PDB file of N, CA and C in Angstrom:
ATOM      1  N   MET A   1     -15.186 -16.819  20.061  1.00  0.00           N
ATOM      2  CA  MET A   1     -15.166 -15.343  20.555  1.00  0.00           C
ATOM      3  C   MET A   1     -14.904 -14.620  19.647  1.00  0.00           C
ATOM      4  N   LYS A   2     -15.789 -13.627  19.435  1.00  0.00           N
ATOM      5  CA  LYS A   2     -15.925 -12.142  18.210  1.00  0.00           C
ATOM      6  C   LYS A   2     -14.235 -11.636  18.292  1.00  0.00           C
ATOM      7  N   SER A   3     -14.575 -11.373  16.998  1.00  0.00           N
ATOM      8  CA  SER A   3     -13.140 -10.893  16.629  1.00  0.00           C
ATOM      9  C   SER A   3     -13.158  -9.018  17.161  1.00  0.00           C
ATOM     10  N   PRO A   4     -12.016  -8.752  17.415  1.00  0.00           N
ATOM     11  CA  PRO A   4     -11.262  -7.413  17.855  1.00  0.00           C
ATOM     12  C   PRO A   4     -12.663  -6.168  16.655  1.00  0.00           C
ATOM     13  N   VAL A   5     -12.018  -6.574  15.321  1.00  0.00           N
ATOM     14  CA  VAL A   5     -12.972  -5.773  14.800  1.00  0.00           C
ATOM     15  C   VAL A   5     -14.858  -5.479  14.806  1.00  0.00           C
ATOM     16  N   GLU A   6     -15.512  -6.811  15.200  1.00  0.00           N
ATOM     17  CA  GLU A   6     -16.873  -7.148  15.152  1.00  0.00           C
ATOM     18  C   GLU A   6     -17.159  -6.378  16.877  1.00  0.00           C
ATOM     19  N   GLU A   7     -15.839  -6.132  17.878  1.00  0.00           N
ATOM     20  CA  GLU A   7     -16.137  -5.868  19.397  1.00  0.00           C
ATOM     21  C   GLU A   7     -16.215  -4.280  19.162  1.00  0.00           C
ATOM     22  N   VAL A   8     -15.337  -3.812  17.947  1.00  0.00           N
ATOM     23  CA  VAL A   8     -15.379  -2.397  18.078  1.00  0.00           C
ATOM     24  C   VAL A   8     -16.423  -1.718  17.169  1.00  0.00           C
ATOM     25  N   VAL A   9     -16.789  -2.622  16.212  1.00  0.00           N
ATOM     26  CA  VAL A   9     -17.642  -2.451  15.445  1.00  0.00           C
ATOM     27  C   VAL A   9     -18.874  -2.048  16.230  1.00  0.00           C
ATOM     28  N   ARG A  10     -19.408  -3.296  16.643  1.00  0.00           N
ATOM     29  CA  ARG A  10     -20.820  -3.106  18.026  1.00  0.00           C
ATOM     30  C   ARG A  10     -20.391  -2.322  18.992  1.00  0.00           C
ATOM     31  N   LYS A  11     -19.578  -1.553  19.294  1.00  0.00           N
ATOM     32  CA  LYS A  11     -19.677  -0.765  20.554  1.00  0.00           C
ATOM     33  C   LYS A  11     -19.665   0.858  19.934  1.00  0.00           C
ATOM     34  N   ALA A  12     -18.897   1.204  18.429  1.00  0.00           N
ATOM     35  CA  ALA A  12     -19.152   2.296  17.528  1.00  0.00           C
ATOM     36  C   ALA A  12     -20.804   2.278  17.726  1.00  0.00           C
ATOM     37  N   LEU A  13     -21.417   1.364  16.809  1.00  0.00           N
ATOM     38  CA  LEU A  13     -22.484   0.999  16.480  1.00  0.00           C
ATOM     39  C   LEU A  13     -23.707   2.256  18.116  1.00  0.00           C
ATOM     40  N   ALA A  14     -23.066   1.173  18.584  1.00  0.00           N
ATOM     41  CA  ALA A  14     -24.084   1.676  19.889  1.00  0.00           C
ATOM     42  C   ALA A  14     -24.039   3.089  20.479  1.00  0.00           C
ATOM     43  N   LEU A  15     -23.144   4.063  20.117  1.00  0.00           N
ATOM     44  CA  LEU A  15     -22.569   5.240  20.174  1.00  0.00           C
ATOM     45  C   LEU A  15     -24.102   6.208  19.504  1.00  0.00           C
ATOM     46  N   ASP A  16     -23.660   7.337  19.704  1.00  0.00           N
ATOM     47  CA  ASP A  16     -24.718   8.036  19.523  1.00  0.00           C
ATOM     48  C   ASP A  16     -24.602   9.038  18.023  1.00  0.00           C
ATOM     49  N   GLU A  17     -25.221   9.206  17.234  1.00  0.00           N
ATOM     50  CA  GLU A  17     -25.350   9.642  15.943  1.00  0.00           C
ATOM     51  C   GLU A  17     -23.421  10.353  15.657  1.00  0.00           C
ATOM     52  N   GLN A  18     -23.521  11.951  16.558  1.00  0.00           N
ATOM     53  CA  GLN A  18     -22.775  12.661  16.447  1.00  0.00           C
ATOM     54  C   GLN A  18     -21.522  11.676  17.047  1.00  0.00           C
ATOM     55  N   ASP A  19     -21.153  11.040  17.712  1.00  0.00           N
ATOM     56  CA  ASP A  19     -20.040  10.253  18.837  1.00  0.00           C
ATOM     57  C   ASP A  19     -19.735   9.275  17.423  1.00  0.00           C
ATOM     58  N   ARG A  20     -20.745   8.038  16.691  1.00  0.00           N
ATOM     59  CA  ARG A  20     -20.153   7.682  15.783  1.00  0.00           C
ATOM     60  C   ARG A  20     -20.073   8.909  14.642  1.00  0.00           C
ATOM     61  N   ALA A  21     -20.165   9.578  14.398  1.00  0.00           N
ATOM     62  CA  ALA A  21     -19.439  11.024  13.298  1.00  0.00           C
ATOM     63  C   ALA A  21     -17.589  10.832  13.816  1.00  0.00           C
ATOM     64  N   GLU A  22     -17.661  11.299  14.706  1.00  0.00           N
ATOM     65  CA  GLU A  22     -16.386  11.310  15.677  1.00  0.00           C
ATOM     66  C   GLU A  22     -15.387  10.102  14.969  1.00  0.00           C
ATOM     67  N   VAL A  23     -16.253   9.379  15.699  1.00  0.00           N
ATOM     68  CA  VAL A  23     -15.275   7.775  16.075  1.00  0.00           C
ATOM     69  C   VAL A  23     -14.905   7.922  13.739  1.00  0.00           C
ATOM     70  N   ALA A  24     -15.633   7.847  13.905  1.00  0.00           N
ATOM     71  CA  ALA A  24     -15.766   7.729  11.674  1.00  0.00           C
ATOM     72  C   ALA A  24     -14.629   8.371  11.286  1.00  0.00           C
ATOM     73  N   ALA A  25     -14.596   9.927  11.294  1.00  0.00           N
ATOM     74  CA  ALA A  25     -13.987  10.553  11.374  1.00  0.00           C
ATOM     75  C   ALA A  25     -12.355  10.471  11.582  1.00  0.00           C
ATOM     76  N   ARG A  26     -12.464   9.858  12.831  1.00  0.00           N
ATOM     77  CA  ARG A  26     -10.848  10.178  13.126  1.00  0.00           C
ATOM     78  C   ARG A  26     -10.619   8.349  12.366  1.00  0.00           C
ATOM     79  N   LEU A  27     -11.202   7.554  11.885  1.00  0.00           N
ATOM     80  CA  LEU A  27     -10.704   6.264  11.841  1.00  0.00           C
ATOM     81  C   LEU A  27     -10.507   6.983   9.881  1.00  0.00           C
ATOM     82  N   LEU A  28     -11.264   7.236   9.290  1.00  0.00           N
ATOM     83  CA  LEU A  28     -10.534   8.258   7.793  1.00  0.00           C
ATOM     84  C   LEU A  28      -9.432   8.788   7.912  1.00  0.00           C
ATOM     85  N   ASP A  29      -9.272   9.678   9.251  1.00  0.00           N
ATOM     86  CA  ASP A  29      -8.236  10.169   8.973  1.00  0.00           C
ATOM     87  C   ASP A  29      -6.625   9.701   9.252  1.00  0.00           C
ATOM     88  N   SER A  30      -6.916   8.665  10.223  1.00  0.00           N
ATOM     89  CA  SER A  30      -5.455   7.756  10.446  1.00  0.00           C
ATOM     90  C   SER A  30      -5.756   6.528   9.086  1.00  0.00           C
ATOM     91  N   LEU A  31      -6.262   7.210   8.112  1.00  0.00           N
ATOM     92  CA  LEU A  31      -6.074   6.261   6.772  1.00  0.00           C
ATOM     93  C   LEU A  31      -5.411   7.601   5.931  1.00  0.00           C
ATOM     94  N   GLU A  32      -5.639   8.195   6.034  1.00  0.00           N
ATOM     95  CA  GLU A  32      -5.282   9.678   4.679  1.00  0.00           C
ATOM     96  C   GLU A  32      -3.708   9.362   4.467  1.00  0.00           C
ATOM     97  N   SER A  33      -3.773   9.584   2.752  1.00  0.00           N
ATOM     98  CA  SER A  33      -2.473   9.115   2.685  1.00  0.00           C
ATOM     99  C   SER A  33      -2.282   9.920   1.741  1.00  0.00           C
ATOM    100  N   VAL A  34      -2.831  11.097   1.555  1.00  0.00           N
ATOM    101  CA  VAL A  34      -2.692  12.126   0.221  1.00  0.00           C
ATOM    102  C   VAL A  34      -1.400  13.254   1.099  1.00  0.00           C
ATOM    103  N   GLU A  35      -0.399  13.068   0.666  1.00  0.00           N
ATOM    104  CA  GLU A  35       0.461  14.371   0.732  1.00  0.00           C
ATOM    105  C   GLU A  35       0.316  15.812   0.349  1.00  0.00           C
ATOM    106  N   ALA A  36       0.969  16.356   1.332  1.00  0.00           N
ATOM    107  CA  ALA A  36       0.126  17.938   0.656  1.00  0.00           C
ATOM    108  C   ALA A  36       0.338  18.237  -0.605  1.00  0.00           C
ATOM    109  N   ASP A  37       2.064  17.610  -1.307  1.00  0.00           N
ATOM    110  CA  ASP A  37       1.715  18.342  -2.710  1.00  0.00           C
ATOM    111  C   ASP A  37       0.782  18.056  -3.492  1.00  0.00           C
ATOM    112  N   GLU A  38      -0.009  16.695  -3.067  1.00  0.00           N
ATOM    113  CA  GLU A  38      -0.989  16.529  -3.732  1.00  0.00           C
ATOM    114  C   GLU A  38      -2.366  17.382  -3.451  1.00  0.00           C
ATOM    115  N   GLU A  39      -2.456  17.211  -2.179  1.00  0.00           N
ATOM    116  CA  GLU A  39      -3.452  18.545  -1.990  1.00  0.00           C
ATOM    117  C   GLU A  39      -2.967  20.006  -2.451  1.00  0.00           C
ATOM    118  N   ASP A  40      -1.890  20.315  -2.898  1.00  0.00           N
ATOM    119  CA  ASP A  40      -1.975  21.469  -3.426  1.00  0.00           C
ATOM    120  C   ASP A  40      -1.926  21.567  -5.158  1.00  0.00           C
ATOM    121  N   ALA A  41      -1.385  20.568  -5.640  1.00  0.00           N
ATOM    122  CA  ALA A  41      -1.793  20.373  -7.057  1.00  0.00           C
ATOM    123  C   ALA A  41      -3.564  20.093  -7.454  1.00  0.00           C
ATOM    124  N   TRP A  42      -4.196  19.805  -6.267  1.00  0.00           N
ATOM    125  CA  TRP A  42      -5.655  19.723  -6.714  1.00  0.00           C
ATOM    126  C   TRP A  42      -6.264  20.888  -6.425  1.00  0.00           C
ATOM    127  N   ALA A  43      -5.698  21.786  -5.395  1.00  0.00           N
ATOM    128  CA  ALA A  43      -6.218  23.273  -5.423  1.00  0.00           C
ATOM    129  C   ALA A  43      -6.138  23.773  -6.298  1.00  0.00           C
ATOM    130  N   VAL A  44      -4.706  23.159  -7.135  1.00  0.00           N
ATOM    131  CA  VAL A  44      -4.679  24.576  -8.333  1.00  0.00           C
ATOM    132  C   VAL A  44      -5.538  24.181  -9.360  1.00  0.00           C
ATOM    133  N   GLU A  45      -5.772  22.555  -9.920  1.00  0.00           N
ATOM    134  CA  GLU A  45      -6.313  22.200 -11.015  1.00  0.00           C
ATOM    135  C   GLU A  45      -7.799  22.590 -10.760  1.00  0.00           C
ATOM    136  N   ILE A  46      -8.231  22.709  -8.924  1.00  0.00           N
ATOM    137  CA  ILE A  46      -9.545  23.107  -9.526  1.00  0.00           C
ATOM    138  C   ILE A  46     -10.072  24.506  -9.291  1.00  0.00           C
ATOM    139  N   GLU A  47      -8.853  25.377  -9.281  1.00  0.00           N
ATOM    140  CA  GLU A  47      -8.878  26.655  -9.787  1.00  0.00           C
ATOM    141  C   GLU A  47      -9.061  26.839 -10.906  1.00  0.00           C
ATOM    142  N   ARG A  48      -8.092  25.988 -11.664  1.00  0.00           N
ATOM    143  CA  ARG A  48      -7.903  26.801 -13.028  1.00  0.00           C
ATOM    144  C   ARG A  48      -8.882  26.219 -13.589  1.00  0.00           C
ATOM    145  N   ARG A  49      -9.755  25.221 -12.937  1.00  0.00           N
ATOM    146  CA  ARG A  49     -11.172  24.593 -14.120  1.00  0.00           C
ATOM    147  C   ARG A  49     -12.443  25.629 -12.987  1.00  0.00           C
ATOM    148  N   ALA A  50     -12.321  26.289 -12.623  1.00  0.00           N
ATOM    149  CA  ALA A  50     -13.137  27.301 -11.631  1.00  0.00           C
ATOM    150  C   ALA A  50     -13.182  28.197 -12.695  1.00  0.00           C
ATOM    151  N   THR A  51     -12.030  28.687 -13.063  1.00  0.00           N
ATOM    152  CA  THR A  51     -11.606  29.840 -14.036  1.00  0.00           C
ATOM    153  C   THR A  51     -12.211  29.877 -15.172  1.00  0.00           C
ATOM    154  N   GLU A  52     -11.931  28.506 -15.791  1.00  0.00           N
ATOM    155  CA  GLU A  52     -12.041  28.198 -17.106  1.00  0.00           C
ATOM    156  C   GLU A  52     -13.734  28.615 -17.403  1.00  0.00           C
ATOM    157  N   LEU A  53     -14.342  27.999 -16.362  1.00  0.00           N
ATOM    158  CA  LEU A  53     -16.079  27.898 -16.181  1.00  0.00           C
ATOM    159  C   LEU A  53     -16.610  29.375 -16.528  1.00  0.00           C
ATOM    160  N   GLU A  54     -15.937  30.064 -15.312  1.00  0.00           N
ATOM    161  CA  GLU A  54     -15.790  31.438 -14.939  1.00  0.00           C
ATOM    162  C   GLU A  54     -15.968  32.816 -16.264  1.00  0.00           C
ATOM    163  N   SER A  55     -14.784  32.100 -17.083  1.00  0.00           N
ATOM    164  CA  SER A  55     -14.090  32.715 -18.400  1.00  0.00           C
ATOM    165  C   SER A  55     -14.939  32.476 -19.612  1.00  0.00           C
ATOM    166  N   GLY A  56     -15.725  31.315 -19.025  1.00  0.00           N
ATOM    167  CA  GLY A  56     -16.766  30.832 -20.812  1.00  0.00           C
ATOM    168  C   GLY A  56     -15.756  29.933 -21.877  1.00  0.00           C
ATOM    169  N   ALA A  57     -14.304  29.880 -21.245  1.00  0.00           N
ATOM    170  CA  ALA A  57     -13.614  29.223 -21.900  1.00  0.00           C
ATOM    171  C   ALA A  57     -13.775  27.809 -21.893  1.00  0.00           C
ATOM    172  N   VAL A  58     -14.697  27.159 -21.210  1.00  0.00           N
ATOM    173  CA  VAL A  58     -15.338  25.846 -21.922  1.00  0.00           C
ATOM    174  C   VAL A  58     -17.025  26.225 -21.304  1.00  0.00           C
ATOM    175  N   GLN A  59     -17.476  25.553 -21.257  1.00  0.00           N
ATOM    176  CA  GLN A  59     -19.170  25.075 -20.455  1.00  0.00           C
ATOM    177  C   GLN A  59     -19.162  23.784 -20.122  1.00  0.00           C
ATOM    178  N   GLY A  60     -20.116  23.637 -19.044  1.00  0.00           N
ATOM    179  CA  GLY A  60     -20.449  22.846 -18.227  1.00  0.00           C
ATOM    180  C   GLY A  60     -21.438  21.820 -18.734  1.00  0.00           C
ATOM    181  N   VAL A  61     -21.774  21.131 -18.410  1.00  0.00           N
ATOM    182  CA  VAL A  61     -22.779  19.658 -18.793  1.00  0.00           C
ATOM    183  C   VAL A  61     -23.688  19.340 -17.187  1.00  0.00           C
ATOM    184  N   SER A  62     -24.696  19.096 -17.638  1.00  0.00           N
ATOM    185  CA  SER A  62     -25.627  18.431 -17.038  1.00  0.00           C
ATOM    186  C   SER A  62     -25.396  17.493 -16.018  1.00  0.00           C
ATOM    187  N   TRP A  63     -25.387  16.560 -15.209  1.00  0.00           N
ATOM    188  CA  TRP A  63     -25.163  15.048 -14.408  1.00  0.00           C
ATOM    189  C   TRP A  63     -26.102  14.279 -15.972  1.00  0.00           C
ATOM    190  N   GLU A  64     -27.454  14.543 -15.882  1.00  0.00           N
ATOM    191  CA  GLU A  64     -28.211  14.108 -17.273  1.00  0.00           C
ATOM    192  C   GLU A  64     -27.085  13.686 -18.474  1.00  0.00           C
ATOM    193  N   GLU A  65     -26.527  14.965 -19.167  1.00  0.00           N
ATOM    194  CA  GLU A  65     -25.759  14.608 -19.975  1.00  0.00           C
ATOM    195  C   GLU A  65     -24.849  14.157 -19.843  1.00  0.00           C
ATOM    196  N   PHE A  66     -24.156  14.183 -19.170  1.00  0.00           N
ATOM    197  CA  PHE A  66     -23.395  13.413 -18.773  1.00  0.00           C
ATOM    198  C   PHE A  66     -22.817  11.992 -18.695  1.00  0.00           C
ATOM    199  N   GLN A  67     -24.202  11.944 -17.839  1.00  0.00           N
ATOM    200  CA  GLN A  67     -24.435   9.900 -17.813  1.00  0.00           C
ATOM    201  C   GLN A  67     -24.740   9.896 -19.318  1.00  0.00           C
ATOM    202  N   GLY A  68     -25.508  10.296 -19.671  1.00  0.00           N
ATOM    203  CA  GLY A  68     -25.667  10.204 -21.662  1.00  0.00           C
ATOM    204  C   GLY A  68     -24.304   9.783 -22.425  1.00  0.00           C
ATOM    205  N   ARG A  69     -23.300  10.839 -22.453  1.00  0.00           N
ATOM    206  CA  ARG A  69     -22.383  10.701 -23.095  1.00  0.00           C
ATOM    207  C   ARG A  69     -21.478   9.047 -22.335  1.00  0.00           C
ATOM    208  N   LEU A  70     -21.261   9.029 -21.227  1.00  0.00           N
ATOM    209  CA  LEU A  70     -20.863   8.077 -20.748  1.00  0.00           C
ATOM    210  C   LEU A  70     -21.527   6.722 -21.426  1.00  0.00           C
ATOM    211  N   LEU A  71     -22.719   6.626 -21.282  1.00  0.00           N
ATOM    212  CA  LEU A  71     -23.256   5.480 -21.382  1.00  0.00           C
ATOM    213  C   LEU A  71     -23.249   5.439 -23.436  1.00  0.00           C
ATOM    214  N   HIS A  72     -23.203   6.713 -24.051  1.00  0.00           N
ATOM    215  CA  HIS A  72     -22.985   5.990 -25.184  1.00  0.00           C
ATOM    216  C   HIS A  72     -21.216   5.767 -25.431  1.00  0.00           C
ATOM    217  N   SER A  73     -20.375   6.515 -24.824  1.00  0.00           N
ATOM    218  CA  SER A  73     -19.300   5.880 -25.278  1.00  0.00           C
ATOM    219  C   SER A  73     -19.031   4.438 -24.488  1.00  0.00           C
ATOM    220  N   ARG A  74     -19.574   4.044 -23.513  1.00  0.00           N
ATOM    221  CA  ARG A  74     -19.709   2.735 -23.419  1.00  0.00           C
ATOM    222  C   ARG A  74     -20.043   1.493 -24.582  1.00  0.00           C
ATOM    223  N   ARG A  75     -21.170   1.967 -25.009  1.00  0.00           N
ATOM    224  CA  ARG A  75     -21.730   1.242 -25.858  1.00  0.00           C
ATOM    225  C   ARG A  75     -20.524   0.959 -27.333  1.00  0.00           C
ATOM    226  N   GLY A  76     -19.965   2.164 -27.017  1.00  0.00           N
ATOM    227  CA  GLY A  76     -19.262   2.690 -29.105  1.00  0.00           C
ATOM    228  C   GLY A  76     -17.819   1.341 -28.301  1.00  0.00           C
ATOM    229  N   ARG A  77     -17.215   0.468 -27.030  1.00  0.00           N
ATOM    230  CA  ARG A  77     -16.621   0.267 -26.998  1.00  0.00           C
ATOM    231  C   ARG A  77     -17.068  -1.699 -27.413  1.00  0.00           C
TER     232      ARG A  77
END
């Protein structure tokens, strides 16, 4: 006997791509635990960082540079 999860996954995978995306979105929404206050706080933080970048107060780095710094810092541990 298949578990209920296996049965649901089997049926979901038989759907077309658009319907699978809809199922995935609904499942993710059901797990959403971020409160509105947290979302607002992230929006404020994003705006602050964008303003710093636009004003030149801080400078961005490339993904490659970031990876290099991260690897270097991990080696120092």
